[in-house]
Amino acid sequence: MLRSKKLKTIKPIKPMDRMQNMQTIKPIGATKWVKAHWRYNYGTGNWEWILGHWSK
């Protein structure tokens, strides 16, 4: 029996960007500042605003 692939829902249009938060003091081990951005959540079907953060 063949399984059919689950279809992803179509993403709504991404909202306008919000204000960027200020860059914080760099923690130990962090190398790159990631600007604030939108991320799509497939579970809820909504866009989420992610604040700027440090990445390793």
Protein backbone atom coordinates (compact mmCIF):
# COMPACT_ATOMS: atom_id res chain seq x y z
CA MET A 1 0.00 0.00 0.00
CA LEU A 2 1.39 3.41 -0.97
CA ARG A 3 1.21 6.29 1.44
CA SER A 4 0.24 9.68 0.11
CA LYS A 5 2.46 12.59 1.03
CA LYS A 6 1.04 15.13 3.46
CA LEU A 7 0.49 18.43 1.69
CA LYS A 8 1.70 21.60 3.39
CA THR A 9 -0.73 24.47 3.62
CA ILE A 10 0.00 27.59 1.62
CA LYS A 11 1.75 30.27 3.67
CA PRO A 12 -0.06 33.59 4.02
CA ILE A 13 1.79 36.75 2.96
CA LYS A 14 4.59 37.69 5.36
CA PRO A 15 3.70 40.76 7.50
CA MET A 16 5.72 43.99 7.42
CA ASP A 17 8.89 43.98 9.50
CA ARG A 18 8.76 45.50 12.97
CA MET A 19 11.37 47.59 14.72
CA GLN A 20 14.72 45.90 15.29
CA ASN A 21 15.80 45.45 18.90
CA MET A 22 19.16 46.78 20.07
CA GLN A 23 22.16 44.47 19.85
CA THR A 24 22.97 43.15 23.32
CA ILE A 25 26.33 42.36 24.90
CA LYS A 26 27.90 39.35 23.21
CA PRO A 27 27.73 36.22 25.41
CA ILE A 28 30.67 33.83 25.66
CA GLY A 29 30.80 31.47 22.68
CA ALA A 30 28.54 33.56 20.45
CA THR A 31 29.89 34.59 17.07
CA LYS A 32 27.10 36.18 15.01
CA TRP A 33 24.22 38.60 15.66
CA VAL A 34 21.02 37.50 13.92
CA LYS A 35 18.65 40.39 13.16
CA ALA A 36 15.00 40.15 14.18
CA HIS A 37 12.94 38.29 11.56
CA TRP A 38 9.66 36.54 10.82
CA ARG A 39 9.38 32.74 11.12
CA TYR A 40 6.44 30.70 9.84
CA ASN A 41 5.02 28.13 12.27
CA TYR A 42 3.51 25.23 10.30
CA GLY A 43 1.80 23.87 13.45
CA THR A 44 -0.35 26.95 14.03
CA GLY A 45 -0.22 28.34 10.48
CA ASN A 46 0.89 31.78 11.69
CA TRP A 47 3.94 34.01 11.30
CA GLU A 48 5.93 34.63 14.52
CA TRP A 49 8.21 37.63 15.15
CA ILE A 50 11.60 36.44 16.43
CA LEU A 51 13.66 39.08 18.24
CA GLY A 52 17.31 39.57 17.38
CA HIS A 53 19.62 37.10 19.09
CA TRP A 54 23.17 35.78 19.18
CA SER A 55 24.11 32.60 17.31
CA LYS A 56 27.10 30.29 17.73
